[in-house]
């Protein structure tokens, strides 16, 4: 005889509910696993350090984020609206924790463009950038078209526009009897720079040309170097270690110094240089050349001991003068140097 195990209807209902619940729970578990929520795009903006630059020069741009860049940094894409006018790198990285970074814009040719920065779906466009024509050499001028031989004349080189980043190096040349530096630099953003041109003494009028060259272009100016119309004495004093400082040597019989009057000028050829030098007593000497080395003196040159209470380095102040004569009978006014320091150096009782 077969035996059947019977189930009551309530039990079957409860089992069905349980199975349905388990099935729902299982399905719900498979669909409830969530992926990370995407990080919203970070806002980005771009600004320019300058809105006008010259072709061949550069400017700085800045990208700013709405929040700090993540630990690994943030890469921002960059584009120029017109690469024929200005170029930018394809991208830049803002360091982790920073909110901004700089990039370089290079001017290519005259025109206008904008720079766009993009990251994570956010983008920003800069103000308009204008690129002007590359600056060219416009002129070279001098303060005076005529200069007395032996004197200095100042010149100026000028560009058609602002010098590019790094400056504009203008090469210079000058013809005898004028000498100029090999080059002069016009600093970035400036349009001109000055330089000094030196001349030698001449017996008549000699034209000299100064030529300036930059970026394949050259300009020139003529300067007339002329003979002086009056005699002028000019000199310098140098000691063994520095200018305007002379020790007494040789037991007080010489000054270890050199007087150099080679910068003196006159209409004719200078034939005599009249020197004087002294402290308590003045000595005189005439030379047929412009240089007087180791002038002769004796101990009467300076006061007897002791040294004056001041200055602290204990020297005497010596006065030196020069007057020149040329072969045409011209005589210069006296030129005086009153700041030469004379050190006794342990002689003449000191």
C-alpha atoms as a PDB file:
ATOM      1  CA  UNK A   1       0.000   0.000   0.000  1.00  0.00           C
ATOM      2  CA  UNK A   2       1.344   3.363  -0.986  1.00  0.00           C
ATOM      3  CA  UNK A   3       1.458   6.072   1.599  1.00  0.00           C
ATOM      4  CA  UNK A   4       1.229   9.718   0.652  1.00  0.00           C
ATOM      5  CA  UNK A   5       2.471  12.466   2.761  1.00  0.00           C
ATOM      6  CA  UNK A   6      -0.005  15.233   2.699  1.00  0.00           C
ATOM      7  CA  UNK A   7       0.645  18.964   2.860  1.00  0.00           C
ATOM      8  CA  UNK A   8      -1.805  21.441   3.992  1.00  0.00           C
ATOM      9  CA  UNK A   9      -2.718  24.307   1.722  1.00  0.00           C
ATOM     10  CA  UNK A  10      -1.393  27.008   4.083  1.00  0.00           C
ATOM     11  CA  UNK A  11       2.027  25.415   4.079  1.00  0.00           C
ATOM     12  CA  UNK A  12       2.161  25.368   0.288  1.00  0.00           C
ATOM     13  CA  UNK A  13       1.221  29.004   0.184  1.00  0.00           C
ATOM     14  CA  UNK A  14       3.882  29.906   2.659  1.00  0.00           C
ATOM     15  CA  UNK A  15       6.509  27.929   0.658  1.00  0.00           C
ATOM     16  CA  UNK A  16       5.516  29.714  -2.518  1.00  0.00           C
ATOM     17  CA  UNK A  17       5.841  33.075  -0.892  1.00  0.00           C
ATOM     18  CA  UNK A  18       9.274  32.115   0.454  1.00  0.00           C
ATOM     19  CA  UNK A  19      10.497  30.982  -2.973  1.00  0.00           C
ATOM     20  CA  UNK A  20       9.212  34.093  -4.613  1.00  0.00           C
ATOM     21  CA  UNK A  21      10.886  36.231  -1.999  1.00  0.00           C
ATOM     22  CA  UNK A  22      14.201  34.437  -2.484  1.00  0.00           C
ATOM     23  CA  UNK A  23      13.939  34.847  -6.237  1.00  0.00           C
ATOM     24  CA  UNK A  24      13.237  38.516  -5.952  1.00  0.00           C
ATOM     25  CA  UNK A  25      16.043  38.958  -3.456  1.00  0.00           C
ATOM     26  CA  UNK A  26      18.445  37.141  -5.799  1.00  0.00           C
ATOM     27  CA  UNK A  27      17.511  39.252  -8.797  1.00  0.00           C
ATOM     28  CA  UNK A  28      17.609  42.413  -6.756  1.00  0.00           C
ATOM     29  CA  UNK A  29      21.125  41.569  -5.555  1.00  0.00           C
ATOM     30  CA  UNK A  30      22.429  41.219  -9.103  1.00  0.00           C
ATOM     31  CA  UNK A  31      21.088  44.611 -10.201  1.00  0.00           C
ATOM     32  CA  UNK A  32      21.883  46.609  -7.083  1.00  0.00           C
ATOM     33  CA  UNK A  33      25.714  46.570  -7.550  1.00  0.00           C
ATOM     34  CA  UNK A  34      26.543  50.195  -8.614  1.00  0.00           C
ATOM     35  CA  UNK A  35      29.562  51.610 -10.543  1.00  0.00           C
ATOM     36  CA  UNK A  36      31.325  54.805  -9.228  1.00  0.00           C
ATOM     37  CA  UNK A  37      29.561  58.012 -10.101  1.00  0.00           C
ATOM     38  CA  UNK A  38      31.551  59.889 -12.798  1.00  0.00           C
ATOM     39  CA  UNK A  39      33.362  62.937 -11.517  1.00  0.00           C
ATOM     40  CA  UNK A  40      31.744  66.057 -12.936  1.00  0.00           C
ATOM     41  CA  UNK A  41      33.869  67.986 -15.421  1.00  0.00           C
ATOM     42  CA  UNK A  42      36.120  70.508 -13.689  1.00  0.00           C
ATOM     43  CA  UNK A  43      35.653  74.066 -14.905  1.00  0.00           C
ATOM     44  CA  UNK A  44      38.612  75.555 -16.762  1.00  0.00           C
ATOM     45  CA  UNK A  45      39.484  79.110 -17.834  1.00  0.00           C
ATOM     46  CA  UNK A  46      42.365  80.626 -19.825  1.00  0.00           C
ATOM     47  CA  UNK A  47      43.890  84.107 -19.621  1.00  0.00           C
ATOM     48  CA  UNK A  48      46.731  85.920 -21.410  1.00  0.00           C
ATOM     49  CA  UNK A  49      49.707  87.757 -19.952  1.00  0.00           C
ATOM     50  CA  UNK A  50      49.627  90.126 -22.951  1.00  0.00           C
ATOM     51  CA  UNK A  51      47.003  90.667 -25.631  1.00  0.00           C
ATOM     52  CA  UNK A  52      49.473  92.064 -28.195  1.00  0.00           C
ATOM     53  CA  UNK A  53      52.867  90.612 -29.107  1.00  0.00           C
ATOM     54  CA  UNK A  54      55.212  90.896 -32.072  1.00  0.00           C
ATOM     55  CA  UNK A  55      55.832  88.062 -34.488  1.00  0.00           C
ATOM     56  CA  UNK A  56      58.872  86.151 -33.305  1.00  0.00           C
ATOM     57  CA  UNK A  57      58.238  86.952 -29.644  1.00  0.00           C
ATOM     58  CA  UNK A  58      56.364  85.028 -26.962  1.00  0.00           C
ATOM     59  CA  UNK A  59      53.743  85.644 -24.297  1.00  0.00           C
ATOM     60  CA  UNK A  60      52.539  83.670 -21.296  1.00  0.00           C
ATOM     61  CA  UNK A  61      49.104  82.166 -20.959  1.00  0.00           C
ATOM     62  CA  UNK A  62      47.558  80.827 -17.752  1.00  0.00           C
ATOM     63  CA  UNK A  63      45.010  78.048 -17.314  1.00  0.00           C
ATOM     64  CA  UNK A  64      42.995  78.096 -14.084  1.00  0.00           C
ATOM     65  CA  UNK A  65      40.877  75.211 -12.770  1.00  0.00           C
ATOM     66  CA  UNK A  66      37.729  75.500 -10.680  1.00  0.00           C
ATOM     67  CA  UNK A  67      39.233  73.067  -8.152  1.00  0.00           C
ATOM     68  CA  UNK A  68      42.671  71.756  -7.262  1.00  0.00           C
ATOM     69  CA  UNK A  69      44.148  69.219  -9.674  1.00  0.00           C
ATOM     70  CA  UNK A  70      44.212  65.590  -8.436  1.00  0.00           C
ATOM     71  CA  UNK A  71      47.336  63.984  -7.047  1.00  0.00           C
ATOM     72  CA  UNK A  72      48.574  62.859 -10.465  1.00  0.00           C
ATOM     73  CA  UNK A  73      48.035  66.277 -12.009  1.00  0.00           C
ATOM     74  CA  UNK A  74      45.522  67.454 -14.582  1.00  0.00           C
ATOM     75  CA  UNK A  75      46.190  67.501 -18.330  1.00  0.00           C
ATOM     76  CA  UNK A  76      44.621  70.387 -20.227  1.00  0.00           C
ATOM     77  CA  UNK A  77      44.401  70.428 -24.023  1.00  0.00           C
ATOM     78  CA  UNK A  78      45.363  73.680 -25.755  1.00  0.00           C
ATOM     79  CA  UNK A  79      44.576  74.903 -29.253  1.00  0.00           C
ATOM     80  CA  UNK A  80      45.141  78.115 -31.177  1.00  0.00           C
ATOM     81  CA  UNK A  81      42.286  79.396 -33.300  1.00  0.00           C
ATOM     82  CA  UNK A  82      44.824  80.336 -35.976  1.00  0.00           C
ATOM     83  CA  UNK A  83      48.143  78.500 -35.806  1.00  0.00           C
ATOM     84  CA  UNK A  84      49.424  80.702 -38.627  1.00  0.00           C
ATOM     85  CA  UNK A  85      49.223  83.665 -36.264  1.00  0.00           C
ATOM     86  CA  UNK A  86      50.284  82.100 -32.940  1.00  0.00           C
ATOM     87  CA  UNK A  87      51.019  78.597 -31.689  1.00  0.00           C
ATOM     88  CA  UNK A  88      50.673  76.881 -28.310  1.00  0.00           C
ATOM     89  CA  UNK A  89      51.707  73.453 -27.030  1.00  0.00           C
ATOM     90  CA  UNK A  90      49.151  70.672 -27.622  1.00  0.00           C
ATOM     91  CA  UNK A  91      48.666  70.263 -23.886  1.00  0.00           C
ATOM     92  CA  UNK A  92      49.928  71.257 -20.484  1.00  0.00           C
ATOM     93  CA  UNK A  93      49.849  69.624 -17.067  1.00  0.00           C
ATOM     94  CA  UNK A  94      48.729  71.364 -13.891  1.00  0.00           C
ATOM     95  CA  UNK A  95      50.520  69.809 -10.933  1.00  0.00           C
ATOM     96  CA  UNK A  96      48.566  67.895  -8.327  1.00  0.00           C
ATOM     97  CA  UNK A  97      47.101  70.184  -5.705  1.00  0.00           C
ATOM     98  CA  UNK A  98      47.552  73.290  -7.874  1.00  0.00           C
ATOM     99  CA  UNK A  99      44.725  75.251  -9.431  1.00  0.00           C
ATOM    100  CA  UNK A 100      46.622  76.902 -12.278  1.00  0.00           C
ATOM    101  CA  UNK A 101      49.588  76.562 -14.603  1.00  0.00           C
ATOM    102  CA  UNK A 102      51.345  78.597 -17.288  1.00  0.00           C
ATOM    103  CA  UNK A 103      52.111  77.870 -20.932  1.00  0.00           C
ATOM    104  CA  UNK A 104      53.944  79.716 -23.701  1.00  0.00           C
ATOM    105  CA  UNK A 105      52.352  81.351 -26.736  1.00  0.00           C
ATOM    106  CA  UNK A 106      54.625  81.976 -29.732  1.00  0.00           C
ATOM    107  CA  UNK A 107      53.797  84.754 -32.188  1.00  0.00           C
ATOM    108  CA  UNK A 108      54.180  83.617 -35.801  1.00  0.00           C
ATOM    109  CA  UNK A 109      52.764  86.264 -38.134  1.00  0.00           C
ATOM    110  CA  UNK A 110      50.578  89.378 -37.996  1.00  0.00           C
ATOM    111  CA  UNK A 111      46.897  88.661 -37.286  1.00  0.00           C
ATOM    112  CA  UNK A 112      44.469  87.807 -34.503  1.00  0.00           C
ATOM    113  CA  UNK A 113      43.606  84.542 -32.773  1.00  0.00           C
ATOM    114  CA  UNK A 114      42.240  83.084 -29.547  1.00  0.00           C
ATOM    115  CA  UNK A 115      43.523  80.257 -27.358  1.00  0.00           C
ATOM    116  CA  UNK A 116      41.196  77.497 -26.159  1.00  0.00           C
ATOM    117  CA  UNK A 117      41.815  75.306 -23.107  1.00  0.00           C
ATOM    118  CA  UNK A 118      39.790  72.069 -22.688  1.00  0.00           C
ATOM    119  CA  UNK A 119      39.553  69.379 -20.004  1.00  0.00           C
ATOM    120  CA  UNK A 120      36.915  66.791 -19.092  1.00  0.00           C
ATOM    121  CA  UNK A 121      34.335  68.318 -21.370  1.00  0.00           C
ATOM    122  CA  UNK A 122      34.842  71.853 -20.108  1.00  0.00           C
ATOM    123  CA  UNK A 123      36.504  74.470 -22.286  1.00  0.00           C
ATOM    124  CA  UNK A 124      37.309  78.162 -22.211  1.00  0.00           C
ATOM    125  CA  UNK A 125      38.467  80.660 -24.816  1.00  0.00           C
ATOM    126  CA  UNK A 126      40.956  83.439 -24.149  1.00  0.00           C
ATOM    127  CA  UNK A 127      40.533  87.090 -25.083  1.00  0.00           C
ATOM    128  CA  UNK A 128      41.713  87.939 -28.596  1.00  0.00           C
ATOM    129  CA  UNK A 129      45.480  87.876 -29.086  1.00  0.00           C
ATOM    130  CA  UNK A 130      46.902  90.283 -31.675  1.00  0.00           C
ATOM    131  CA  UNK A 131      50.260  89.531 -33.285  1.00  0.00           C
ATOM    132  CA  UNK A 132      51.965  92.490 -34.915  1.00  0.00           C
ATOM    133  CA  UNK A 133      54.688  92.479 -37.542  1.00  0.00           C
ATOM    134  CA  UNK A 134      58.196  91.556 -36.455  1.00  0.00           C
ATOM    135  CA  UNK A 135      60.180  94.638 -35.405  1.00  0.00           C
ATOM    136  CA  UNK A 136      62.745  95.781 -37.964  1.00  0.00           C
ATOM    137  CA  UNK A 137      65.680  98.154 -37.711  1.00  0.00           C
ATOM    138  CA  UNK A 138      64.377 101.666 -38.358  1.00  0.00           C
ATOM    139  CA  UNK A 139      67.375 103.963 -37.828  1.00  0.00           C
ATOM    140  CA  UNK A 140      70.702 104.742 -36.224  1.00  0.00           C
ATOM    141  CA  UNK A 141      71.268 108.340 -35.147  1.00  0.00           C
ATOM    142  CA  UNK A 142      73.911 110.349 -33.271  1.00  0.00           C
ATOM    143  CA  UNK A 143      73.555 113.179 -30.786  1.00  0.00           C
ATOM    144  CA  UNK A 144      75.663 115.436 -33.008  1.00  0.00           C
ATOM    145  CA  UNK A 145      76.728 115.085 -36.641  1.00  0.00           C
ATOM    146  CA  UNK A 146      80.114 116.613 -35.726  1.00  0.00           C
ATOM    147  CA  UNK A 147      82.473 115.593 -32.941  1.00  0.00           C
ATOM    148  CA  UNK A 148      85.909 116.856 -31.992  1.00  0.00           C
ATOM    149  CA  UNK A 149      88.526 114.139 -32.321  1.00  0.00           C
ATOM    150  CA  UNK A 150      89.262 112.640 -28.912  1.00  0.00           C
ATOM    151  CA  UNK A 151      85.719 113.243 -27.671  1.00  0.00           C
ATOM    152  CA  UNK A 152      82.822 110.802 -27.313  1.00  0.00           C
ATOM    153  CA  UNK A 153      79.538 110.980 -29.205  1.00  0.00           C
ATOM    154  CA  UNK A 154      76.396 109.060 -28.241  1.00  0.00           C
ATOM    155  CA  UNK A 155      74.355 107.107 -30.766  1.00  0.00           C
ATOM    156  CA  UNK A 156      70.880 105.527 -30.717  1.00  0.00           C
ATOM    157  CA  UNK A 157      69.513 102.521 -32.600  1.00  0.00           C
ATOM    158  CA  UNK A 158      65.735 102.352 -33.046  1.00  0.00           C
ATOM    159  CA  UNK A 159      63.384  99.537 -34.113  1.00  0.00           C
ATOM    160  CA  UNK A 160      60.059  99.867 -35.908  1.00  0.00           C
ATOM    161  CA  UNK A 161      58.356  98.185 -32.953  1.00  0.00           C
ATOM    162  CA  UNK A 162      59.002  96.602 -29.582  1.00  0.00           C
ATOM    163  CA  UNK A 163      61.982  94.267 -29.296  1.00  0.00           C
ATOM    164  CA  UNK A 164      60.986  90.579 -28.993  1.00  0.00           C
ATOM    165  CA  UNK A 165      61.388  88.346 -25.971  1.00  0.00           C
ATOM    166  CA  UNK A 166      65.086  88.063 -25.153  1.00  0.00           C
ATOM    167  CA  UNK A 167      65.810  91.468 -26.694  1.00  0.00           C
ATOM    168  CA  UNK A 168      67.175  92.522 -30.065  1.00  0.00           C
ATOM    169  CA  UNK A 169      70.954  92.399 -30.519  1.00  0.00           C
ATOM    170  CA  UNK A 170      71.974  95.058 -33.040  1.00  0.00           C
ATOM    171  CA  UNK A 171      75.507  94.735 -34.426  1.00  0.00           C
ATOM    172  CA  UNK A 172      77.546  97.903 -34.901  1.00  0.00           C
ATOM    173  CA  UNK A 173      80.575  98.923 -36.912  1.00  0.00           C
ATOM    174  CA  UNK A 174      82.402 102.224 -37.288  1.00  0.00           C
ATOM    175  CA  UNK A 175      85.093 103.489 -39.611  1.00  0.00           C
ATOM    176  CA  UNK A 176      88.285 105.192 -38.472  1.00  0.00           C
ATOM    177  CA  UNK A 177      88.739 107.581 -36.673  1.00  0.00           C
ATOM    178  CA  UNK A 178      85.627 106.430 -34.805  1.00  0.00           C
ATOM    179  CA  UNK A 179      85.217 103.284 -32.704  1.00  0.00           C
ATOM    180  CA  UNK A 180      81.936 101.712 -31.570  1.00  0.00           C
ATOM    181  CA  UNK A 181      81.074  98.595 -29.512  1.00  0.00           C
ATOM    182  CA  UNK A 182      80.516  95.376 -31.452  1.00  0.00           C
ATOM    183  CA  UNK A 183      76.812  95.367 -30.586  1.00  0.00           C
ATOM    184  CA  UNK A 184      74.085  96.957 -28.501  1.00  0.00           C
ATOM    185  CA  UNK A 185      71.011  95.173 -27.103  1.00  0.00           C
ATOM    186  CA  UNK A 186      67.526  96.638 -27.176  1.00  0.00           C
ATOM    187  CA  UNK A 187      65.758  95.006 -24.236  1.00  0.00           C
ATOM    188  CA  UNK A 188      62.498  93.120 -24.750  1.00  0.00           C
ATOM    189  CA  UNK A 189      59.565  95.478 -25.071  1.00  0.00           C
ATOM    190  CA  UNK A 190      61.735  98.547 -25.758  1.00  0.00           C
ATOM    191  CA  UNK A 191      62.164 100.202 -29.139  1.00  0.00           C
ATOM    192  CA  UNK A 192      65.635 101.770 -28.821  1.00  0.00           C
ATOM    193  CA  UNK A 193      69.000 101.665 -27.067  1.00  0.00           C
ATOM    194  CA  UNK A 194      71.978 104.024 -26.851  1.00  0.00           C
ATOM    195  CA  UNK A 195      75.708 103.402 -27.253  1.00  0.00           C
ATOM    196  CA  UNK A 196      78.955 105.396 -27.012  1.00  0.00           C
ATOM    197  CA  UNK A 197      81.214 106.070 -29.985  1.00  0.00           C
ATOM    198  CA  UNK A 198      84.821 107.047 -29.272  1.00  0.00           C
ATOM    199  CA  UNK A 199      87.050 109.094 -31.557  1.00  0.00           C
ATOM    200  CA  UNK A 200      90.757 109.751 -31.881  1.00  0.00           C
ATOM    201  CA  UNK A 201      92.374 113.130 -32.433  1.00  0.00           C
ATOM    202  CA  UNK A 202      92.614 114.262 -36.034  1.00  0.00           C
ATOM    203  CA  UNK A 203      94.383 117.053 -37.892  1.00  0.00           C
ATOM    204  CA  UNK A 204      91.393 117.936 -40.079  1.00  0.00           C
ATOM    205  CA  UNK A 205      87.836 116.868 -40.809  1.00  0.00           C
ATOM    206  CA  UNK A 206      87.357 113.150 -41.466  1.00  0.00           C
ATOM    207  CA  UNK A 207      83.916 111.624 -42.152  1.00  0.00           C
ATOM    208  CA  UNK A 208      83.227 108.350 -40.325  1.00  0.00           C
ATOM    209  CA  UNK A 209      80.315 105.974 -40.859  1.00  0.00           C
ATOM    210  CA  UNK A 210      78.461 104.081 -38.156  1.00  0.00           C
ATOM    211  CA  UNK A 211      76.501 101.078 -39.463  1.00  0.00           C
ATOM    212  CA  UNK A 212      73.880  99.162 -37.482  1.00  0.00           C
ATOM    213  CA  UNK A 213      72.526  95.750 -38.577  1.00  0.00           C
ATOM    214  CA  UNK A 214      69.628  93.620 -37.333  1.00  0.00           C
ATOM    215  CA  UNK A 215      67.524  90.820 -38.827  1.00  0.00           C
ATOM    216  CA  UNK A 216      69.103  91.178 -42.261  1.00  0.00           C
ATOM    217  CA  UNK A 217      68.656  94.952 -42.495  1.00  0.00           C
ATOM    218  CA  UNK A 218      71.315  97.658 -42.130  1.00  0.00           C
ATOM    219  CA  UNK A 219      71.170 101.429 -41.616  1.00  0.00           C
ATOM    220  CA  UNK A 220      73.993 103.974 -41.400  1.00  0.00           C
ATOM    221  CA  UNK A 221      74.807 107.488 -40.235  1.00  0.00           C
ATOM    222  CA  UNK A 222      77.820 109.668 -41.024  1.00  0.00           C
ATOM    223  CA  UNK A 223      79.715 111.529 -38.294  1.00  0.00           C
ATOM    224  CA  UNK A 224      82.310 114.182 -39.084  1.00  0.00           C
ATOM    225  CA  UNK A 225      85.326 113.948 -36.791  1.00  0.00           C
ATOM    226  CA  UNK A 226      87.005 117.345 -36.736  1.00  0.00           C
ATOM    227  CA  UNK A 227      90.144 118.902 -35.344  1.00  0.00           C
ATOM    228  CA  UNK A 228      89.645 120.948 -32.182  1.00  0.00           C
ATOM    229  CA  UNK A 229      89.484 124.701 -32.513  1.00  0.00           C
ATOM    230  CA  UNK A 230      90.972 125.263 -29.050  1.00  0.00           C
ATOM    231  CA  UNK A 231      93.485 123.415 -26.919  1.00  0.00           C
ATOM    232  CA  UNK A 232      92.056 121.377 -24.072  1.00  0.00           C
ATOM    233  CA  UNK A 233      94.036 119.603 -21.365  1.00  0.00           C
ATOM    234  CA  UNK A 234      92.719 116.303 -20.067  1.00  0.00           C
ATOM    235  CA  UNK A 235      94.441 113.660 -17.955  1.00  0.00           C
ATOM    236  CA  UNK A 236      94.112 110.790 -15.506  1.00  0.00           C
ATOM    237  CA  UNK A 237      96.105 109.740 -12.433  1.00  0.00           C
ATOM    238  CA  UNK A 238      96.759 106.048 -11.707  1.00  0.00           C
ATOM    239  CA  UNK A 239      98.654 104.437  -8.850  1.00  0.00           C
ATOM    240  CA  UNK A 240     100.103 100.941  -8.486  1.00  0.00           C
ATOM    241  CA  UNK A 241      96.812  99.506  -7.224  1.00  0.00           C
ATOM    242  CA  UNK A 242      94.077 102.032  -8.036  1.00  0.00           C
ATOM    243  CA  UNK A 243      93.424 105.412  -9.601  1.00  0.00           C
ATOM    244  CA  UNK A 244      93.894 108.660  -7.664  1.00  0.00           C
ATOM    245  CA  UNK A 245      96.082 106.872  -5.055  1.00  0.00           C
ATOM    246  CA  UNK A 246      99.869 107.379  -5.028  1.00  0.00           C
ATOM    247  CA  UNK A 247     102.483 106.291  -2.458  1.00  0.00           C
ATOM    248  CA  UNK A 248     105.766 108.129  -1.842  1.00  0.00           C
ATOM    249  CA  UNK A 249     108.695 105.864  -2.692  1.00  0.00           C
ATOM    250  CA  UNK A 250     112.499 105.918  -3.029  1.00  0.00           C
ATOM    251  CA  UNK A 251     112.994 107.569   0.355  1.00  0.00           C
ATOM    252  CA  UNK A 252     110.517 110.321  -0.536  1.00  0.00           C
ATOM    253  CA  UNK A 253     112.197 111.253  -3.842  1.00  0.00           C
ATOM    254  CA  UNK A 254     109.530 109.920  -6.226  1.00  0.00           C
ATOM    255  CA  UNK A 255     105.774 109.413  -6.358  1.00  0.00           C
ATOM    256  CA  UNK A 256     104.767 105.937  -7.473  1.00  0.00           C
ATOM    257  CA  UNK A 257     102.125 107.225  -9.857  1.00  0.00           C
ATOM    258  CA  UNK A 258     101.507 107.903 -13.540  1.00  0.00           C
ATOM    259  CA  UNK A 259      99.985 111.086 -14.948  1.00  0.00           C
ATOM    260  CA  UNK A 260      98.525 110.470 -18.418  1.00  0.00           C
ATOM    261  CA  UNK A 261      97.485 113.416 -20.591  1.00  0.00           C
ATOM    262  CA  UNK A 262      96.956 111.500 -23.823  1.00  0.00           C
ATOM    263  CA  UNK A 263      93.289 112.539 -23.962  1.00  0.00           C
ATOM    264  CA  UNK A 264      94.246 116.224 -24.363  1.00  0.00           C
ATOM    265  CA  UNK A 265      93.379 117.879 -27.686  1.00  0.00           C
ATOM    266  CA  UNK A 266      94.488 120.943 -29.632  1.00  0.00           C
ATOM    267  CA  UNK A 267      94.123 122.391 -33.157  1.00  0.00           C
ATOM    268  CA  UNK A 268      97.753 121.590 -33.854  1.00  0.00           C
ATOM    269  CA  UNK A 269     100.100 118.872 -32.673  1.00  0.00           C
ATOM    270  CA  UNK A 270     100.630 119.008 -28.916  1.00  0.00           C
ATOM    271  CA  UNK A 271     104.324 119.487 -28.214  1.00  0.00           C
ATOM    272  CA  UNK A 272     104.433 120.148 -24.473  1.00  0.00           C
ATOM    273  CA  UNK A 273     102.566 119.006 -21.361  1.00  0.00           C
ATOM    274  CA  UNK A 274     103.120 121.249 -18.306  1.00  0.00           C
ATOM    275  CA  UNK A 275     102.513 119.387 -15.038  1.00  0.00           C
ATOM    276  CA  UNK A 276     102.322 120.620 -11.452  1.00  0.00           C
ATOM    277  CA  UNK A 277     101.740 118.479  -8.338  1.00  0.00           C
ATOM    278  CA  UNK A 278     101.998 119.251  -4.667  1.00  0.00           C
ATOM    279  CA  UNK A 279     100.726 119.206  -1.089  1.00  0.00           C
ATOM    280  CA  UNK A 280     102.790 121.544   1.118  1.00  0.00           C
ATOM    281  CA  UNK A 281     105.076 122.425  -1.790  1.00  0.00           C
ATOM    282  CA  UNK A 282     104.283 122.340  -5.518  1.00  0.00           C
ATOM    283  CA  UNK A 283     106.653 120.755  -8.029  1.00  0.00           C
ATOM    284  CA  UNK A 284     106.593 121.377 -11.787  1.00  0.00           C
ATOM    285  CA  UNK A 285     107.706 119.334 -14.752  1.00  0.00           C
ATOM    286  CA  UNK A 286     107.243 119.655 -18.532  1.00  0.00           C
ATOM    287  CA  UNK A 287     107.163 116.599 -20.750  1.00  0.00           C
ATOM    288  CA  UNK A 288     107.304 116.280 -24.529  1.00  0.00           C
ATOM    289  CA  UNK A 289     104.978 113.283 -24.385  1.00  0.00           C
ATOM    290  CA  UNK A 290     101.596 112.853 -22.711  1.00  0.00           C
ATOM    291  CA  UNK A 291     102.777 110.567 -19.883  1.00  0.00           C
ATOM    292  CA  UNK A 292     104.681 111.469 -16.728  1.00  0.00           C
ATOM    293  CA  UNK A 293     105.630 108.376 -14.718  1.00  0.00           C
ATOM    294  CA  UNK A 294     107.216 108.383 -11.233  1.00  0.00           C
ATOM    295  CA  UNK A 295     107.250 112.204 -10.813  1.00  0.00           C
ATOM    296  CA  UNK A 296     110.363 113.476  -9.007  1.00  0.00           C
ATOM    297  CA  UNK A 297     109.900 115.177  -5.603  1.00  0.00           C
ATOM    298  CA  UNK A 298     111.560 115.436  -2.194  1.00  0.00           C
ATOM    299  CA  UNK A 299     110.279 115.430   1.368  1.00  0.00           C
ATOM    300  CA  UNK A 300     109.309 119.097   1.163  1.00  0.00           C
ATOM    301  CA  UNK A 301     106.340 117.915  -0.917  1.00  0.00           C
ATOM    302  CA  UNK A 302     104.438 117.082   2.282  1.00  0.00           C
ATOM    303  CA  UNK A 303     104.132 118.709   5.725  1.00  0.00           C
ATOM    304  CA  UNK A 304     106.391 117.371   8.493  1.00  0.00           C
ATOM    305  CA  UNK A 305     105.045 114.690  10.852  1.00  0.00           C
ATOM    306  CA  UNK A 306     102.642 113.926  12.350  1.00  0.00           C
ATOM    307  CA  UNK A 307      99.986 112.938   9.874  1.00  0.00           C
ATOM    308  CA  UNK A 308      96.697 114.808  10.075  1.00  0.00           C
ATOM    309  CA  UNK A 309      94.121 113.323  12.446  1.00  0.00           C
ATOM    310  CA  UNK A 310      91.864 112.527   9.514  1.00  0.00           C
ATOM    311  CA  UNK A 311      91.161 110.804   7.208  1.00  0.00           C
ATOM    312  CA  UNK A 312      91.278 107.395   8.838  1.00  0.00           C
ATOM    313  CA  UNK A 313      93.604 105.915   6.172  1.00  0.00           C
ATOM    314  CA  UNK A 314      96.133 108.677   6.855  1.00  0.00           C
ATOM    315  CA  UNK A 315      96.986 110.251   3.551  1.00  0.00           C
ATOM    316  CA  UNK A 316      97.606 113.738   2.225  1.00  0.00           C
ATOM    317  CA  UNK A 317      95.452 115.248  -0.498  1.00  0.00           C
ATOM    318  CA  UNK A 318      97.596 116.181  -3.500  1.00  0.00           C
ATOM    319  CA  UNK A 319      96.621 118.588  -6.296  1.00  0.00           C
ATOM    320  CA  UNK A 320      97.715 117.822  -9.861  1.00  0.00           C
ATOM    321  CA  UNK A 321      97.336 120.210 -12.836  1.00  0.00           C
ATOM    322  CA  UNK A 322      98.015 120.080 -16.581  1.00  0.00           C
ATOM    323  CA  UNK A 323      98.352 122.655 -19.357  1.00  0.00           C
ATOM    324  CA  UNK A 324      99.197 121.752 -22.960  1.00  0.00           C
ATOM    325  CA  UNK A 325     100.819 123.642 -25.872  1.00  0.00           C
ATOM    326  CA  UNK A 326     100.501 122.803 -29.562  1.00  0.00           C
ATOM    327  CA  UNK A 327     102.798 123.607 -32.494  1.00  0.00           C
ATOM    328  CA  UNK A 328     100.440 126.358 -33.687  1.00  0.00           C
ATOM    329  CA  UNK A 329     100.952 128.378 -30.533  1.00  0.00           C
ATOM    330  CA  UNK A 330      97.686 127.364 -28.850  1.00  0.00           C
ATOM    331  CA  UNK A 331      97.795 126.956 -25.068  1.00  0.00           C
ATOM    332  CA  UNK A 332      95.031 125.235 -23.120  1.00  0.00           C
ATOM    333  CA  UNK A 333      93.466 126.405 -19.890  1.00  0.00           C
ATOM    334  CA  UNK A 334      94.752 124.605 -16.789  1.00  0.00           C
ATOM    335  CA  UNK A 335      92.900 121.423 -15.857  1.00  0.00           C
ATOM    336  CA  UNK A 336      93.032 120.478 -12.159  1.00  0.00           C
ATOM    337  CA  UNK A 337      92.574 117.262 -10.181  1.00  0.00           C
ATOM    338  CA  UNK A 338      92.247 117.973  -6.427  1.00  0.00           C
ATOM    339  CA  UNK A 339      91.383 114.510  -5.122  1.00  0.00           C
ATOM    340  CA  UNK A 340      94.624 112.540  -5.526  1.00  0.00           C
ATOM    341  CA  UNK A 341      95.557 110.690  -2.321  1.00  0.00           C
ATOM    342  CA  UNK A 342      99.253 110.682  -1.385  1.00  0.00           C
ATOM    343  CA  UNK A 343     100.464 108.070   1.122  1.00  0.00           C
ATOM    344  CA  UNK A 344     103.792 108.694   3.003  1.00  0.00           C
ATOM    345  CA  UNK A 345     104.538 104.950   3.136  1.00  0.00           C
ATOM    346  CA  UNK A 346     106.985 105.274   6.090  1.00  0.00           C
ATOM    347  CA  UNK A 347     109.311 107.833   4.469  1.00  0.00           C
ATOM    348  CA  UNK A 348     110.167 111.461   5.270  1.00  0.00           C
ATOM    349  CA  UNK A 349     109.884 110.789   9.012  1.00  0.00           C
ATOM    350  CA  UNK A 350     106.492 109.092   8.901  1.00  0.00           C
END
